[in-house]
Structure formats: C-alpha cells, structure tokens
Amino acid sequence: MHGDLREVMEIVVPDRSGTYRGTYCIGKDRVYALYFFKKKSKHGIATPKENLGLIRARLAAARRIEGETQAK
C-alpha cells in the first residue's frame, strides 16, 4: 500500500471464486491483522474506499496498542 498506509502489507490470493486480500502491519514484537476481505470491485485492482477506511482505523488502533506496550 502507499501514502498514509505505506507501513501496511497486503497479501493477495486469487481463487476460482474470486480474489481475497489480507492486510497487516508489523509492530515491535507482534503482527497486527488489520482487515481481510474478498475483493468485489470490478474497477481494476484498487481497494474500495470503505475498506481503506476500516484499514486506517485499525492501523490507528494498532499504533495505540503499540505505543501503550512500549510505554510499559
């Protein structure tokens, strides 16, 4: 991913029933699974805006958890 989501990695798995995507980020000593979904858009490879919103919100939560963990 890019822009404000540049630290988010993406896994893409094609299947006969469609394409599945998973997003995650890596913290200091853990991996945060952010969002997994079946790609439904017919408009190229772009990730739908609704999904990007969920990924951003979950990335923010992961950053908060990571910050709390480092403060201890």
PDB file of N, CA and C in Angstrom:
ATOM      1  N   MET A   1       0.851  -1.156   0.000  1.00  0.00           N
ATOM      2  CA  MET A   1       0.000   0.000   0.000  1.00  0.00           C
ATOM      3  C   MET A   1       0.909   1.235   0.000  1.00  0.00           C
ATOM      4  N   HIS A   2       0.335   2.396  -0.170  1.00  0.00           N
ATOM      5  CA  HIS A   2       1.151   3.599  -0.256  1.00  0.00           C
ATOM      6  C   HIS A   2       0.478   4.757   0.470  1.00  0.00           C
ATOM      7  N   GLY A   3       1.133   5.894   0.482  1.00  0.00           N
ATOM      8  CA  GLY A   3       0.598   7.062   1.178  1.00  0.00           C
ATOM      9  C   GLY A   3       0.623   6.861   2.680  1.00  0.00           C
ATOM     10  N   ASP A   4      -0.478   7.215   3.339  1.00  0.00           N
ATOM     11  CA  ASP A   4      -0.535   7.082   4.796  1.00  0.00           C
ATOM     12  C   ASP A   4      -0.611   5.623   5.247  1.00  0.00           C
ATOM     13  N   LEU A   5      -0.762   4.698   4.300  1.00  0.00           N
ATOM     14  CA  LEU A   5      -0.817   3.269   4.620  1.00  0.00           C
ATOM     15  C   LEU A   5       0.444   2.530   4.183  1.00  0.00           C
ATOM     16  N   ARG A   6       1.544   3.256   4.025  1.00  0.00           N
ATOM     17  CA  ARG A   6       2.758   2.638   3.487  1.00  0.00           C
ATOM     18  C   ARG A   6       3.346   1.560   4.394  1.00  0.00           C
ATOM     19  N   GLU A   7       3.026   1.564   5.680  1.00  0.00           N
ATOM     20  CA  GLU A   7       3.548   0.518   6.564  1.00  0.00           C
ATOM     21  C   GLU A   7       2.648  -0.721   6.587  1.00  0.00           C
ATOM     22  N   VAL A   8       1.548  -0.692   5.834  1.00  0.00           N
ATOM     23  CA  VAL A   8       0.621  -1.825   5.762  1.00  0.00           C
ATOM     24  C   VAL A   8       1.032  -2.740   4.611  1.00  0.00           C
ATOM     25  N   MET A   9       1.177  -4.024   4.910  1.00  0.00           N
ATOM     26  CA  MET A   9       1.479  -5.023   3.890  1.00  0.00           C
ATOM     27  C   MET A   9       0.168  -5.661   3.447  1.00  0.00           C
ATOM     28  N   GLU A  10       0.204  -6.207   2.254  1.00  0.00           N
ATOM     29  CA  GLU A  10      -1.005  -6.812   1.704  1.00  0.00           C
ATOM     30  C   GLU A  10      -0.679  -8.182   1.133  1.00  0.00           C
ATOM     31  N   ILE A  11      -1.556  -9.124   1.393  1.00  0.00           N
ATOM     32  CA  ILE A  11      -1.477 -10.466   0.820  1.00  0.00           C
ATOM     33  C   ILE A  11      -2.648 -10.573  -0.151  1.00  0.00           C
ATOM     34  N   VAL A  12      -2.388 -11.018  -1.377  1.00  0.00           N
ATOM     35  CA  VAL A  12      -3.445 -11.194  -2.378  1.00  0.00           C
ATOM     36  C   VAL A  12      -3.455 -12.660  -2.792  1.00  0.00           C
ATOM     37  N   VAL A  13      -4.628 -13.292  -2.683  1.00  0.00           N
ATOM     38  CA  VAL A  13      -4.760 -14.705  -3.024  1.00  0.00           C
ATOM     39  C   VAL A  13      -5.882 -14.869  -4.050  1.00  0.00           C
ATOM     40  N   PRO A  14      -5.516 -15.188  -5.297  1.00  0.00           N
ATOM     41  CA  PRO A  14      -6.547 -15.438  -6.301  1.00  0.00           C
ATOM     42  C   PRO A  14      -7.125 -16.847  -6.124  1.00  0.00           C
ATOM     43  N   ASP A  15      -8.411 -16.969  -6.396  1.00  0.00           N
ATOM     44  CA  ASP A  15      -9.113 -18.241  -6.257  1.00  0.00           C
ATOM     45  C   ASP A  15     -10.184 -18.298  -7.340  1.00  0.00           C
ATOM     46  N   ARG A  16     -10.694 -19.463  -7.630  1.00  0.00           N
ATOM     47  CA  ARG A  16     -11.761 -19.562  -8.642  1.00  0.00           C
ATOM     48  C   ARG A  16     -12.994 -18.750  -8.266  1.00  0.00           C
ATOM     49  N   SER A  17     -13.239 -18.619  -6.972  1.00  0.00           N
ATOM     50  CA  SER A  17     -14.428 -17.900  -6.518  1.00  0.00           C
ATOM     51  C   SER A  17     -14.198 -16.394  -6.386  1.00  0.00           C
ATOM     52  N   GLY A  18     -12.973 -15.931  -6.612  1.00  0.00           N
ATOM     53  CA  GLY A  18     -12.678 -14.507  -6.509  1.00  0.00           C
ATOM     54  C   GLY A  18     -11.271 -14.275  -5.991  1.00  0.00           C
ATOM     55  N   THR A  19     -10.993 -13.037  -5.659  1.00  0.00           N
ATOM     56  CA  THR A  19      -9.687 -12.677  -5.118  1.00  0.00           C
ATOM     57  C   THR A  19      -9.852 -12.252  -3.669  1.00  0.00           C
ATOM     58  N   TYR A  20      -9.004 -12.786  -2.815  1.00  0.00           N
ATOM     59  CA  TYR A  20      -9.053 -12.480  -1.395  1.00  0.00           C
ATOM     60  C   TYR A  20      -7.824 -11.656  -1.029  1.00  0.00           C
ATOM     61  N   ARG A  21      -8.016 -10.685  -0.142  1.00  0.00           N
ATOM     62  CA  ARG A  21      -6.923  -9.825   0.294  1.00  0.00           C
ATOM     63  C   ARG A  21      -6.876  -9.777   1.812  1.00  0.00           C
ATOM     64  N   GLY A  22      -5.676  -9.671   2.309  1.00  0.00           N
ATOM     65  CA  GLY A  22      -5.465  -9.508   3.737  1.00  0.00           C
ATOM     66  C   GLY A  22      -4.466  -8.392   3.946  1.00  0.00           C
ATOM     67  N   THR A  23      -4.697  -7.578   4.957  1.00  0.00           N
ATOM     68  CA  THR A  23      -3.766  -6.504   5.270  1.00  0.00           C
ATOM     69  C   THR A  23      -3.274  -6.676   6.699  1.00  0.00           C
ATOM     70  N   TYR A  24      -2.019  -6.339   6.893  1.00  0.00           N
ATOM     71  CA  TYR A  24      -1.420  -6.466   8.217  1.00  0.00           C
ATOM     72  C   TYR A  24      -0.284  -5.465   8.353  1.00  0.00           C
ATOM     73  N   CYS A  25       0.143  -5.225   9.581  1.00  0.00           N
ATOM     74  CA  CYS A  25       1.327  -4.414   9.832  1.00  0.00           C
ATOM     75  C   CYS A  25       2.124  -5.102  10.929  1.00  0.00           C
ATOM     76  N   ILE A  26       3.387  -4.751  11.006  1.00  0.00           N
ATOM     77  CA  ILE A  26       4.289  -5.401  11.947  1.00  0.00           C
ATOM     78  C   ILE A  26       4.687  -4.400  13.026  1.00  0.00           C
ATOM     79  N   GLY A  27       4.469  -4.790  14.267  1.00  0.00           N
ATOM     80  CA  GLY A  27       4.881  -3.975  15.403  1.00  0.00           C
ATOM     81  C   GLY A  27       6.255  -4.413  15.871  1.00  0.00           C
ATOM     82  N   LYS A  28       6.617  -3.969  17.057  1.00  0.00           N
ATOM     83  CA  LYS A  28       7.941  -4.304  17.587  1.00  0.00           C
ATOM     84  C   LYS A  28       8.102  -5.806  17.805  1.00  0.00           C
ATOM     85  N   ASP A  29       7.084  -6.435  18.406  1.00  0.00           N
ATOM     86  CA  ASP A  29       7.191  -7.876  18.664  1.00  0.00           C
ATOM     87  C   ASP A  29       5.900  -8.634  18.357  1.00  0.00           C
ATOM     88  N   ARG A  30       5.080  -8.067  17.473  1.00  0.00           N
ATOM     89  CA  ARG A  30       3.846  -8.758  17.081  1.00  0.00           C
ATOM     90  C   ARG A  30       3.395  -8.310  15.704  1.00  0.00           C
ATOM     91  N   VAL A  31       2.489  -9.094  15.146  1.00  0.00           N
ATOM     92  CA  VAL A  31       1.892  -8.778  13.849  1.00  0.00           C
ATOM     93  C   VAL A  31       0.434  -8.437  14.096  1.00  0.00           C
ATOM     94  N   TYR A  32      -0.019  -7.328  13.525  1.00  0.00           N
ATOM     95  CA  TYR A  32      -1.409  -6.899  13.666  1.00  0.00           C
ATOM     96  C   TYR A  32      -2.159  -7.211  12.377  1.00  0.00           C
ATOM     97  N   ALA A  33      -3.138  -8.107  12.452  1.00  0.00           N
ATOM     98  CA  ALA A  33      -4.004  -8.405  11.309  1.00  0.00           C
ATOM     99  C   ALA A  33      -5.057  -7.303  11.267  1.00  0.00           C
ATOM    100  N   LEU A  34      -5.056  -6.515  10.200  1.00  0.00           N
ATOM    101  CA  LEU A  34      -5.926  -5.342  10.147  1.00  0.00           C
ATOM    102  C   LEU A  34      -7.278  -5.640   9.504  1.00  0.00           C
ATOM    103  N   TYR A  35      -7.261  -6.260   8.329  1.00  0.00           N
ATOM    104  CA  TYR A  35      -8.527  -6.478   7.633  1.00  0.00           C
ATOM    105  C   TYR A  35      -8.339  -7.514   6.537  1.00  0.00           C
ATOM    106  N   PHE A  36      -9.271  -8.450   6.444  1.00  0.00           N
ATOM    107  CA  PHE A  36      -9.251  -9.471   5.405  1.00  0.00           C
ATOM    108  C   PHE A  36     -10.604  -9.452   4.711  1.00  0.00           C
ATOM    109  N   PHE A  37     -10.596  -9.516   3.398  1.00  0.00           N
ATOM    110  CA  PHE A  37     -11.845  -9.393   2.652  1.00  0.00           C
ATOM    111  C   PHE A  37     -11.741 -10.017   1.273  1.00  0.00           C
ATOM    112  N   LYS A  38     -12.908 -10.268   0.690  1.00  0.00           N
ATOM    113  CA  LYS A  38     -12.975 -10.737  -0.696  1.00  0.00           C
ATOM    114  C   LYS A  38     -13.129  -9.517  -1.585  1.00  0.00           C
ATOM    115  N   LYS A  39     -12.264  -9.399  -2.560  1.00  0.00           N
ATOM    116  CA  LYS A  39     -12.293  -8.268  -3.490  1.00  0.00           C
ATOM    117  C   LYS A  39     -13.520  -8.406  -4.375  1.00  0.00           C
ATOM    118  N   LYS A  40     -14.374  -7.369  -4.380  1.00  0.00           N
ATOM    119  CA  LYS A  40     -15.595  -7.415  -5.165  1.00  0.00           C
ATOM    120  C   LYS A  40     -15.629  -6.370  -6.269  1.00  0.00           C
ATOM    121  N   SER A  41     -14.774  -5.371  -6.192  1.00  0.00           N
ATOM    122  CA  SER A  41     -14.787  -4.280  -7.160  1.00  0.00           C
ATOM    123  C   SER A  41     -14.433  -4.780  -8.556  1.00  0.00           C
ATOM    124  N   LYS A  42     -15.117  -4.271  -9.529  1.00  0.00           N
ATOM    125  CA  LYS A  42     -14.833  -4.611 -10.916  1.00  0.00           C
ATOM    126  C   LYS A  42     -13.971  -3.540 -11.578  1.00  0.00           C
ATOM    127  N   HIS A  43     -13.513  -2.575 -10.803  1.00  0.00           N
ATOM    128  CA  HIS A  43     -12.757  -1.450 -11.341  1.00  0.00           C
ATOM    129  C   HIS A  43     -11.266  -1.608 -11.070  1.00  0.00           C
ATOM    130  N   GLY A  44     -10.633  -2.554 -11.725  1.00  0.00           N
ATOM    131  CA  GLY A  44      -9.194  -2.724 -11.583  1.00  0.00           C
ATOM    132  C   GLY A  44      -8.793  -3.295 -10.238  1.00  0.00           C
ATOM    133  N   ILE A  45      -7.584  -2.950  -9.829  1.00  0.00           N
ATOM    134  CA  ILE A  45      -7.033  -3.531  -8.606  1.00  0.00           C
ATOM    135  C   ILE A  45      -7.177  -2.634  -7.393  1.00  0.00           C
ATOM    136  N   ALA A  46      -7.785  -1.487  -7.555  1.00  0.00           N
ATOM    137  CA  ALA A  46      -7.913  -0.529  -6.451  1.00  0.00           C
ATOM    138  C   ALA A  46      -8.734  -1.116  -5.299  1.00  0.00           C
ATOM    139  N   THR A  47      -8.285  -0.825  -4.085  1.00  0.00           N
ATOM    140  CA  THR A  47      -9.014  -1.240  -2.890  1.00  0.00           C
ATOM    141  C   THR A  47     -10.161  -0.255  -2.662  1.00  0.00           C
ATOM    142  N   PRO A  48     -11.391  -0.757  -2.463  1.00  0.00           N
ATOM    143  CA  PRO A  48     -12.537   0.139  -2.250  1.00  0.00           C
ATOM    144  C   PRO A  48     -12.325   1.084  -1.066  1.00  0.00           C
ATOM    145  N   LYS A  49     -12.865   2.300  -1.167  1.00  0.00           N
ATOM    146  CA  LYS A  49     -12.682   3.327  -0.140  1.00  0.00           C
ATOM    147  C   LYS A  49     -13.198   2.888   1.225  1.00  0.00           C
ATOM    148  N   GLU A  50     -14.307   2.156   1.253  1.00  0.00           N
ATOM    149  CA  GLU A  50     -14.850   1.697   2.540  1.00  0.00           C
ATOM    150  C   GLU A  50     -13.831   0.803   3.247  1.00  0.00           C
ATOM    151  N   ASN A  51     -13.185  -0.062   2.480  1.00  0.00           N
ATOM    152  CA  ASN A  51     -12.188  -0.957   3.060  1.00  0.00           C
ATOM    153  C   ASN A  51     -10.966  -0.177   3.538  1.00  0.00           C
ATOM    154  N   LEU A  52     -10.554   0.823   2.776  1.00  0.00           N
ATOM    155  CA  LEU A  52      -9.417   1.650   3.181  1.00  0.00           C
ATOM    156  C   LEU A  52      -9.707   2.366   4.496  1.00  0.00           C
ATOM    157  N   GLY A  53     -10.948   2.816   4.683  1.00  0.00           N
ATOM    158  CA  GLY A  53     -11.340   3.460   5.939  1.00  0.00           C
ATOM    159  C   GLY A  53     -11.198   2.516   7.126  1.00  0.00           C
ATOM    160  N   LEU A  54     -11.643   1.277   6.952  1.00  0.00           N
ATOM    161  CA  LEU A  54     -11.504   0.277   8.021  1.00  0.00           C
ATOM    162  C   LEU A  54     -10.028  -0.016   8.309  1.00  0.00           C
ATOM    163  N   ILE A  55      -9.242  -0.117   7.262  1.00  0.00           N
ATOM    164  CA  ILE A  55      -7.817  -0.391   7.438  1.00  0.00           C
ATOM    165  C   ILE A  55      -7.151   0.756   8.192  1.00  0.00           C
ATOM    166  N   ARG A  56      -7.481   1.996   7.833  1.00  0.00           N
ATOM    167  CA  ARG A  56      -6.902   3.162   8.529  1.00  0.00           C
ATOM    168  C   ARG A  56      -7.276   3.169  10.013  1.00  0.00           C
ATOM    169  N   ALA A  57      -8.538   2.878  10.306  1.00  0.00           N
ATOM    170  CA  ALA A  57      -8.998   2.870  11.699  1.00  0.00           C
ATOM    171  C   ALA A  57      -8.294   1.778  12.495  1.00  0.00           C
ATOM    172  N   ARG A  58      -8.144   0.618  11.913  1.00  0.00           N
ATOM    173  CA  ARG A  58      -7.492  -0.479  12.619  1.00  0.00           C
ATOM    174  C   ARG A  58      -5.992  -0.265  12.746  1.00  0.00           C
ATOM    175  N   LEU A  59      -5.385   0.408  11.763  1.00  0.00           N
ATOM    176  CA  LEU A  59      -3.971   0.758  11.865  1.00  0.00           C
ATOM    177  C   LEU A  59      -3.763   1.745  13.011  1.00  0.00           C
ATOM    178  N   ALA A  60      -4.661   2.701  13.144  1.00  0.00           N
ATOM    179  CA  ALA A  60      -4.573   3.666  14.248  1.00  0.00           C
ATOM    180  C   ALA A  60      -4.682   2.946  15.593  1.00  0.00           C
ATOM    181  N   ALA A  61      -5.584   1.968  15.681  1.00  0.00           N
ATOM    182  CA  ALA A  61      -5.724   1.199  16.923  1.00  0.00           C
ATOM    183  C   ALA A  61      -4.453   0.393  17.202  1.00  0.00           C
ATOM    184  N   ALA A  62      -3.874  -0.195  16.171  1.00  0.00           N
ATOM    185  CA  ALA A  62      -2.632  -0.957  16.341  1.00  0.00           C
ATOM    186  C   ALA A  62      -1.503  -0.045  16.813  1.00  0.00           C
ATOM    187  N   ARG A  63      -1.441   1.163  16.279  1.00  0.00           N
ATOM    188  CA  ARG A  63      -0.415   2.128  16.705  1.00  0.00           C
ATOM    189  C   ARG A  63      -0.604   2.503  18.174  1.00  0.00           C
ATOM    190  N   ARG A  64      -1.870   2.689  18.600  1.00  0.00           N
ATOM    191  CA  ARG A  64      -2.138   2.995  20.012  1.00  0.00           C
ATOM    192  C   ARG A  64      -1.684   1.853  20.907  1.00  0.00           C
ATOM    193  N   ILE A  65      -2.038   0.630  20.530  1.00  0.00           N
ATOM    194  CA  ILE A  65      -1.638  -0.542  21.316  1.00  0.00           C
ATOM    195  C   ILE A  65      -0.119  -0.635  21.375  1.00  0.00           C
ATOM    196  N   GLU A  66       0.524  -0.415  20.244  1.00  0.00           N
ATOM    197  CA  GLU A  66       1.985  -0.475  20.184  1.00  0.00           C
ATOM    198  C   GLU A  66       2.599   0.586  21.089  1.00  0.00           C
ATOM    199  N   GLY A  67       2.032   1.790  21.079  1.00  0.00           N
ATOM    200  CA  GLY A  67       2.516   2.869  21.942  1.00  0.00           C
ATOM    201  C   GLY A  67       2.353   2.540  23.416  1.00  0.00           C
ATOM    202  N   GLU A  68       1.216   1.942  23.787  1.00  0.00           N
ATOM    203  CA  GLU A  68       0.969   1.563  25.163  1.00  0.00           C
ATOM    204  C   GLU A  68       1.934   0.465  25.593  1.00  0.00           C
ATOM    205  N   THR A  69       2.228  -0.448  24.703  1.00  0.00           N
ATOM    206  CA  THR A  69       3.138  -1.555  25.004  1.00  0.00           C
ATOM    207  C   THR A  69       4.552  -1.037  25.240  1.00  0.00           C
ATOM    208  N   GLN A  70       4.985  -0.069  24.454  1.00  0.00           N
ATOM    209  CA  GLN A  70       6.334   0.474  24.584  1.00  0.00           C
ATOM    210  C   GLN A  70       6.467   1.324  25.845  1.00  0.00           C
ATOM    211  N   ALA A  71       5.362   1.929  26.295  1.00  0.00           N
ATOM    212  CA  ALA A  71       5.402   2.791  27.487  1.00  0.00           C
ATOM    213  C   ALA A  71       5.573   1.990  28.770  1.00  0.00           C
ATOM    214  N   LYS A  72       5.218   0.716  28.740  1.00  0.00           N
ATOM    215  CA  LYS A  72       5.301  -0.125  29.950  1.00  0.00           C
ATOM    216  C   LYS A  72       6.703  -0.564  30.246  1.00  0.00           C
TER     217      LYS A  72
END
